[in-house]
Amino acid sequence: MHRIPVESSNIATIGFANGVLEIEFKSRSVYQYFGVPETEFLNLMKADSKGTYHNKYIKGHYKYTRVL
């Protein structure tokens, strides 16, 4: 999946395709979140703090797996 570099103290890159949100953290770990609406991805990309948005609206709300 193609990921886009973002400005964040915790998140390095974010990608989205077919309801799968992929986040690479600065720690180099990569997680995929499933069943994520495109609007949620767009809101994450527009958020002033992507880490805060992730913790509040993504983490714990969608099934996920660690890829790396």
Protein backbone atom coordinates (compact mmCIF):
# COMPACT_ATOMS: atom_id res chain seq x y z
CA MET A 1 0.00 0.00 0.00
CA HIS A 2 1.26 3.47 -0.84
CA ARG A 3 1.67 5.58 2.29
CA ILE A 4 2.00 9.35 2.47
CA PRO A 5 4.56 10.98 4.81
CA VAL A 6 2.86 13.19 7.43
CA GLU A 7 3.97 15.76 9.96
CA SER A 8 3.57 14.16 13.35
CA SER A 9 5.72 13.47 16.39
CA ASN A 10 4.48 9.85 16.51
CA ILE A 11 3.26 8.87 13.02
CA ALA A 12 5.58 8.65 10.00
CA THR A 13 3.26 7.68 7.12
CA ILE A 14 -0.43 6.97 6.47
CA GLY A 15 -2.04 5.02 3.64
CA PHE A 16 -5.60 4.07 2.75
CA ALA A 17 -7.15 1.65 0.24
CA ASN A 18 -10.44 -0.25 0.12
CA GLY A 19 -11.36 0.41 3.75
CA VAL A 20 -7.91 -0.46 5.09
CA LEU A 21 -6.04 2.28 6.92
CA GLU A 22 -2.31 1.65 7.25
CA ILE A 23 -0.23 3.63 9.72
CA GLU A 24 3.52 3.52 10.09
CA PHE A 25 4.71 4.90 13.40
CA LYS A 26 8.06 6.57 13.97
CA SER A 27 9.03 3.43 15.90
CA ARG A 28 8.87 1.65 12.48
CA SER A 29 5.89 -0.51 13.51
CA VAL A 30 3.10 -0.68 10.93
CA TYR A 31 -0.56 -1.37 11.70
CA GLN A 32 -3.52 -1.97 9.41
CA TYR A 33 -7.02 -1.03 10.57
CA PHE A 34 -9.99 -2.66 8.81
CA GLY A 35 -13.43 -1.36 7.87
CA VAL A 36 -12.36 2.27 8.12
CA PRO A 37 -14.58 4.70 6.16
CA GLU A 38 -12.81 7.02 3.73
CA THR A 39 -14.19 10.00 5.67
CA GLU A 40 -12.30 8.78 8.75
CA PHE A 41 -9.07 8.65 6.72
CA LEU A 42 -9.68 12.16 5.38
CA ASN A 43 -10.39 13.48 8.89
CA LEU A 44 -7.16 11.89 10.13
CA MET A 45 -5.17 13.50 7.32
CA LYS A 46 -6.71 16.93 8.12
CA ALA A 47 -6.24 16.65 11.88
CA ASP A 48 -3.88 19.11 13.55
CA SER A 49 -2.57 16.26 15.70
CA LYS A 50 -2.63 12.96 13.87
CA GLY A 51 -1.47 11.05 16.95
CA THR A 52 -4.28 12.48 19.08
CA TYR A 53 -6.84 11.76 16.34
CA HIS A 54 -5.56 8.19 16.02
CA ASN A 55 -5.78 7.62 19.77
CA LYS A 56 -9.28 9.12 20.05
CA TYR A 57 -11.04 7.88 16.89
CA ILE A 58 -9.09 4.98 15.36
CA LYS A 59 -7.35 2.96 18.08
CA GLY A 60 -9.84 0.72 19.83
CA HIS A 61 -12.61 1.44 17.32
CA TYR A 62 -11.52 -0.77 14.41
CA LYS A 63 -10.14 -4.29 14.11
CA TYR A 64 -6.43 -4.18 13.38
CA THR A 65 -3.31 -6.22 12.85
CA ARG A 66 0.34 -5.39 13.22
CA VAL A 67 2.11 -5.81 9.89
CA LEU A 68 5.67 -4.97 11.00
